[in-house]
Amino acid sequence: MTMVINFFVNPHLFLAIAEQSPEPIERALRQLPQIPILSHWAYFVRNHDELDLSRLSQSEREICFRAFGPKPTMQIYQRGIRRRLAPMLGGRLDLQLLLYSLIFTIPGTPILWYGEEIGMGEDLNQKERNSVRTPMQWTADLNAGFSTADPSSLVRPVVDKGAFSYRKVNVQAQRRDPNSLLNYLERMIRTRKEYPEFSTGTYRVLETSEPTKIFAHSCQDENGNAVIAAHNLTEAPIKVVIKLWEKTFDHFIHLFDERPNEKIKKAEIGLELPAFGFSWLRLRQKKQI
């Protein structure tokens, strides 16, 4: 197989959110072994099991437990959290998108667990790992549109109570809402496909004026095409300067924001990032005469 799921970086993403620091991400990426050029790491945020924190130190594990699964019923095997992403983050759209931006821009292949694209919740009344394996929430109809069977005959019940009930969180409703998590993720996926440097380019962490708050990295292909992703890991807006690795770029393009192209001076880029915000940029080379 040419692709391996990266269980090592995964818990460090959550530690970075809990500590509001890029250090855990940078540390985890530095420790990865070199892989063949035709191989990929597969990055994920959540999967069909628990959020496995065993690769963190005991103190780091406790930080994540307090932040994302403080109750004993939310924890499992003394090492993990048996919750879905959206409720772990209090339903916050900005934090969910920040984590997805990280796995979509670090070179590799992102993986989405079903239901995460709409922010589904878990059912902690189910045993062990089954808490995150409830039926997909398609509509607000019977059984969340998953099945027309009698509800009592479902292998596992739908989530029908609280803020993440299928009546409130479902595909149909989010497709109609231009500002929904589903529509943001669809745009993110399309943009990533348009700029393959994110998945296959040479990766480097970039120096910034806010090293304890901002995680910024670039990906550059063999033809010199380059993209940058910058992530604000803190709850306050930040102005940051990102230093480039060479002086051949003369302007950059915002891939999400509806903003004009900006010139590059002194091989550095100035950005304003909102709280827990991110930005994707495409760098343009100077025209050769």
Protein backbone atom coordinates (compact mmCIF):
# COMPACT_ATOMS: atom_id res chain seq x y z
CA MET A 1 0.00 0.00 0.00
CA THR A 2 1.22 3.50 -0.79
CA MET A 3 -0.83 5.38 1.81
CA VAL A 4 -0.69 5.11 5.60
CA ILE A 5 -3.15 6.68 8.03
CA ASN A 6 -1.28 9.12 10.26
CA PHE A 7 -2.37 8.34 13.82
CA PHE A 8 0.60 10.24 15.25
CA VAL A 9 -0.18 13.76 14.02
CA ASN A 10 -3.93 13.43 14.74
CA PRO A 11 -3.93 13.92 18.56
CA HIS A 12 -1.39 16.73 18.23
CA LEU A 13 -3.93 18.69 16.17
CA PHE A 14 -6.32 18.62 19.12
CA LEU A 15 -3.56 19.46 21.58
CA ALA A 16 -2.74 22.52 19.46
CA ILE A 17 -6.37 23.68 19.66
CA ALA A 18 -6.52 23.05 23.42
CA GLU A 19 -3.24 24.90 24.07
CA GLN A 20 -3.87 27.54 21.38
CA SER A 21 -0.36 26.95 20.09
CA PRO A 22 1.15 25.67 16.82
CA GLU A 23 3.98 23.94 18.68
CA PRO A 24 2.34 20.47 18.96
CA ILE A 25 1.67 20.39 15.20
CA GLU A 26 5.18 21.48 14.26
CA ARG A 27 6.70 18.99 16.74
CA ALA A 28 4.63 16.10 15.41
CA LEU A 29 5.45 16.88 11.77
CA ARG A 30 9.18 17.08 12.54
CA GLN A 31 9.09 13.57 14.01
CA LEU A 32 7.56 11.93 10.95
CA PRO A 33 9.85 9.62 8.98
CA GLN A 34 10.66 10.36 5.36
CA ILE A 35 8.37 8.46 2.98
CA PRO A 36 8.78 7.54 -0.72
CA ILE A 37 7.84 10.28 -3.17
CA LEU A 38 4.91 8.29 -4.57
CA SER A 39 3.48 7.57 -1.10
CA HIS A 40 1.09 9.63 1.02
CA TRP A 41 0.20 10.16 4.63
CA ALA A 42 -3.57 10.06 5.15
CA TYR A 43 -4.73 12.72 7.62
CA PHE A 44 -8.01 12.71 9.51
CA VAL A 45 -9.74 14.59 12.31
CA ARG A 46 -12.13 11.90 13.56
CA ASN A 47 -12.83 8.31 12.57
CA HIS A 48 -15.13 5.43 13.54
CA ASP A 49 -13.30 4.78 16.82
CA GLU A 50 -12.28 7.02 19.71
CA LEU A 51 -9.99 10.03 19.50
CA ASP A 52 -6.85 8.14 20.54
CA LEU A 53 -4.64 10.30 22.79
CA SER A 54 -2.17 7.53 23.68
CA ARG A 55 0.61 9.15 21.63
CA LEU A 56 0.56 12.21 23.88
CA SER A 57 2.21 12.50 27.28
CA GLN A 58 0.01 11.99 30.35
CA SER A 59 -0.13 15.72 31.05
CA GLU A 60 -0.99 16.49 27.42
CA ARG A 61 -3.68 13.82 27.51
CA GLU A 62 -5.25 15.46 30.55
CA ILE A 63 -5.29 18.82 28.76
CA CYS A 64 -7.27 17.27 25.89
CA PHE A 65 -9.61 15.42 28.23
CA ARG A 66 -10.46 18.67 30.04
CA ALA A 67 -10.97 20.54 26.76
CA PHE A 68 -12.91 17.97 24.72
CA GLY A 69 -14.23 15.18 26.95
CA PRO A 70 -14.32 16.21 30.64
CA LYS A 71 -16.97 13.71 31.76
CA PRO A 72 -16.06 10.05 32.42
CA THR A 73 -18.87 8.93 30.07
CA MET A 74 -17.09 10.78 27.24
CA GLN A 75 -13.83 8.87 27.77
CA ILE A 76 -12.81 5.33 26.91
CA TYR A 77 -9.93 2.93 27.58
CA GLN A 78 -8.16 5.58 29.73
CA ARG A 79 -6.71 6.96 26.50
CA GLY A 80 -9.46 8.26 24.25
CA ILE A 81 -12.56 10.37 23.75
CA ARG A 82 -15.64 8.72 22.25
CA ARG A 83 -17.23 11.86 20.85
CA ARG A 84 -17.69 13.39 17.42
CA LEU A 85 -15.88 16.55 16.42
CA ALA A 86 -18.74 19.08 16.45
CA PRO A 87 -19.84 18.56 20.08
CA MET A 88 -16.21 18.34 21.22
CA LEU A 89 -15.80 21.88 19.87
CA GLY A 90 -19.10 23.16 21.23
CA GLY A 91 -20.58 23.22 17.73
CA ARG A 92 -18.27 26.08 16.71
CA LEU A 93 -17.99 26.39 12.94
CA ASP A 94 -14.68 28.29 13.04
CA LEU A 95 -12.88 25.59 15.03
CA GLN A 96 -14.20 22.79 12.83
CA LEU A 97 -13.07 24.59 9.67
CA LEU A 98 -9.68 25.34 11.22
CA LEU A 99 -9.03 21.65 11.83
CA TYR A 100 -10.22 20.69 8.36
CA SER A 101 -8.02 23.38 6.82
CA LEU A 102 -5.04 21.80 8.58
CA ILE A 103 -5.63 18.30 7.22
CA PHE A 104 -6.54 19.64 3.76
CA THR A 105 -3.31 21.64 3.38
CA ILE A 106 -0.64 19.45 4.99
CA PRO A 107 0.67 17.35 2.06
CA GLY A 108 -1.12 14.04 1.97
CA THR A 109 -4.66 12.76 1.59
CA PRO A 110 -7.47 14.00 3.88
CA ILE A 111 -10.09 11.58 5.18
CA LEU A 112 -13.60 12.52 6.33
CA TRP A 113 -15.68 10.29 8.61
CA TYR A 114 -19.31 10.25 7.47
CA GLY A 115 -21.43 12.90 9.16
CA GLU A 116 -18.47 15.12 10.00
CA GLU A 117 -19.20 17.22 6.91
CA ILE A 118 -22.45 18.37 8.52
CA GLY A 119 -21.27 18.42 12.14
CA MET A 120 -23.15 15.40 13.49
CA GLY A 121 -23.18 14.66 17.21
CA GLU A 122 -22.70 11.44 19.13
CA ASP A 123 -24.98 9.27 21.27
CA LEU A 124 -23.19 8.57 24.55
CA ASN A 125 -25.93 6.12 25.55
CA GLN A 126 -24.48 3.68 23.04
CA LYS A 127 -21.76 1.31 24.23
CA GLU A 128 -18.10 2.14 23.79
CA ARG A 129 -17.18 3.15 20.21
CA ASN A 130 -20.76 2.85 18.95
CA SER A 131 -21.40 6.37 20.26
CA VAL A 132 -20.03 7.81 16.99
CA ARG A 133 -21.61 5.18 14.70
CA THR A 134 -25.20 6.43 14.61
CA PRO A 135 -27.14 6.58 11.31
CA MET A 136 -26.30 9.31 8.81
CA GLN A 137 -28.59 12.34 9.14
CA TRP A 138 -29.90 13.06 5.65
CA THR A 139 -33.17 14.87 6.38
CA ALA A 140 -35.51 15.90 9.19
CA ASP A 141 -37.88 13.05 8.24
CA LEU A 142 -38.39 9.68 9.95
CA ASN A 143 -35.11 8.08 11.05
CA ALA A 144 -33.21 11.09 9.69
CA GLY A 145 -34.02 9.91 6.16
CA PHE A 146 -31.63 6.98 6.70
CA SER A 147 -34.26 4.23 6.69
CA THR A 148 -38.02 3.81 6.33
CA ALA A 149 -38.02 0.95 8.84
CA ASP A 150 -39.71 1.13 12.22
CA PRO A 151 -37.36 3.09 14.53
CA SER A 152 -37.27 0.18 16.98
CA SER A 153 -35.72 -2.08 14.34
CA LEU A 154 -32.70 0.13 13.59
CA VAL A 155 -29.38 -1.42 14.61
CA ARG A 156 -28.56 1.83 16.37
CA PRO A 157 -30.95 4.73 16.99
CA VAL A 158 -30.62 8.12 15.33
CA VAL A 159 -29.55 11.14 17.39
CA ASP A 160 -32.92 12.70 18.14
CA LYS A 161 -32.27 14.98 21.11
CA GLY A 162 -30.29 18.10 21.83
CA ALA A 163 -28.47 20.57 19.63
CA PHE A 164 -27.24 17.84 17.26
CA SER A 165 -30.60 16.14 16.70
CA TYR A 166 -31.24 15.05 13.10
CA ARG A 167 -34.11 17.55 13.02
CA LYS A 168 -31.55 20.36 13.40
CA VAL A 169 -28.44 18.85 11.78
CA ASN A 170 -28.96 17.15 8.43
CA VAL A 171 -27.73 17.25 4.83
CA GLN A 172 -30.92 18.67 3.36
CA ALA A 173 -30.95 21.71 5.64
CA GLN A 174 -27.25 22.41 5.16
CA ARG A 175 -27.40 22.19 1.39
CA ARG A 176 -29.92 25.04 1.50
CA ASP A 177 -27.75 27.18 3.80
CA PRO A 178 -24.88 28.91 1.94
CA ASN A 179 -23.03 29.44 5.23
CA SER A 180 -23.30 25.86 6.45
CA LEU A 181 -20.37 23.62 7.32
CA LEU A 182 -21.26 21.37 4.37
CA ASN A 183 -21.05 24.20 1.85
CA TYR A 184 -17.81 25.53 3.33
CA LEU A 185 -16.26 22.08 3.09
CA GLU A 186 -17.44 21.60 -0.50
CA ARG A 187 -15.71 24.86 -1.40
CA MET A 188 -12.58 23.78 0.45
CA ILE A 189 -12.50 20.47 -1.43
CA ARG A 190 -12.95 22.18 -4.81
CA THR A 191 -10.20 24.69 -4.06
CA ARG A 192 -7.81 21.98 -2.96
CA LYS A 193 -8.37 20.07 -6.19
CA GLU A 194 -7.68 23.21 -8.22
CA TYR A 195 -4.26 23.59 -6.56
CA PRO A 196 -2.63 20.13 -6.40
CA GLU A 197 0.48 21.60 -4.79
CA PHE A 198 -1.34 21.15 -1.47
CA SER A 199 -1.33 17.39 -1.84
CA THR A 200 1.90 16.69 -3.70
CA GLY A 201 4.20 19.71 -3.36
CA THR A 202 7.41 20.00 -1.36
CA TYR A 203 6.40 21.00 2.16
CA ARG A 204 8.08 23.49 4.49
CA VAL A 205 7.10 25.26 7.72
CA LEU A 206 7.47 29.03 7.32
CA GLU A 207 8.92 31.55 9.73
CA THR A 208 6.41 34.14 10.97
CA SER A 209 6.35 37.20 13.22
CA GLU A 210 4.03 35.28 15.60
CA PRO A 211 5.70 31.87 16.05
CA THR A 212 3.76 31.02 19.22
CA LYS A 213 0.37 31.70 17.63
CA ILE A 214 0.51 31.06 13.87
CA PHE A 215 1.18 27.84 11.99
CA ALA A 216 2.11 28.66 8.39
CA HIS A 217 3.50 26.36 5.75
CA SER A 218 4.04 26.23 2.01
CA CYS A 219 3.81 23.56 -0.66
CA GLN A 220 5.70 23.96 -3.93
CA ASP A 221 5.69 21.71 -6.98
CA GLU A 222 8.57 20.91 -9.31
CA ASN A 223 7.54 23.72 -11.67
CA GLY A 224 7.83 26.38 -8.98
CA ASN A 225 4.08 26.76 -8.37
CA ALA A 226 3.53 27.41 -4.68
CA VAL A 227 0.71 27.80 -2.17
CA ILE A 228 0.69 28.92 1.45
CA ALA A 229 -1.69 28.07 4.28
CA ALA A 230 -1.65 30.13 7.48
CA HIS A 231 -3.58 29.16 10.61
CA ASN A 232 -4.31 31.24 13.70
CA LEU A 233 -4.40 28.87 16.67
CA THR A 234 -5.58 31.53 19.12
CA GLU A 235 -8.90 33.09 20.08
CA ALA A 236 -7.80 36.62 19.16
CA PRO A 237 -7.41 38.26 15.71
CA ILE A 238 -3.76 38.60 14.68
CA LYS A 239 -1.70 40.59 12.21
CA VAL A 240 1.20 38.45 11.06
CA VAL A 241 4.13 38.69 8.67
CA ILE A 242 5.12 35.47 6.89
CA LYS A 243 8.64 35.21 5.54
CA LEU A 244 9.10 33.52 2.16
CA TRP A 245 11.94 31.14 1.34
CA GLU A 246 12.93 32.87 -1.91
CA LYS A 247 12.57 36.22 -3.71
CA THR A 248 11.14 35.02 -7.01
CA PHE A 249 7.48 35.75 -6.12
CA ASP A 250 6.02 39.17 -6.87
CA HIS A 251 2.35 38.85 -5.84
CA PHE A 252 -0.14 36.51 -4.20
CA ILE A 253 -3.78 35.57 -4.65
CA HIS A 254 -6.34 34.97 -1.88
CA LEU A 255 -8.00 31.62 -2.62
CA PHE A 256 -11.04 32.12 -0.37
CA ASP A 257 -11.45 35.80 0.43
CA GLU A 258 -12.91 38.03 -2.26
CA ARG A 259 -9.92 40.33 -2.25
CA PRO A 260 -7.65 41.69 -4.99
CA ASN A 261 -4.19 40.29 -5.64
CA GLU A 262 -1.48 41.77 -3.43
CA LYS A 263 2.14 42.59 -4.23
CA ILE A 264 4.97 40.90 -2.38
CA LYS A 265 7.71 43.14 -0.99
CA LYS A 266 10.96 42.07 0.67
CA ALA A 267 10.05 38.38 0.28
CA GLU A 268 7.38 38.52 2.95
CA ILE A 269 3.59 38.59 3.19
CA GLY A 270 1.42 40.49 5.67
CA LEU A 271 -1.92 38.97 6.70
CA GLU A 272 -4.75 39.64 9.11
CA LEU A 273 -6.26 36.45 10.46
CA PRO A 274 -9.46 36.33 12.54
CA ALA A 275 -9.68 34.36 15.77
CA PHE A 276 -9.12 30.67 14.93
CA GLY A 277 -9.02 31.75 11.29
CA PHE A 278 -7.01 30.57 8.32
CA SER A 279 -6.02 31.73 4.85
CA TRP A 280 -4.94 29.93 1.68
CA LEU A 281 -2.75 31.82 -0.78
CA ARG A 282 -1.33 31.16 -4.25
CA LEU A 283 2.06 32.72 -4.98
CA ARG A 284 2.89 34.05 -8.43
CA GLN A 285 6.41 34.13 -9.86
CA LYS A 286 7.93 37.29 -11.30
CA LYS A 287 7.51 37.43 -15.06
CA GLN A 288 10.61 36.39 -16.92
CA ILE A 289 11.65 38.71 -19.79
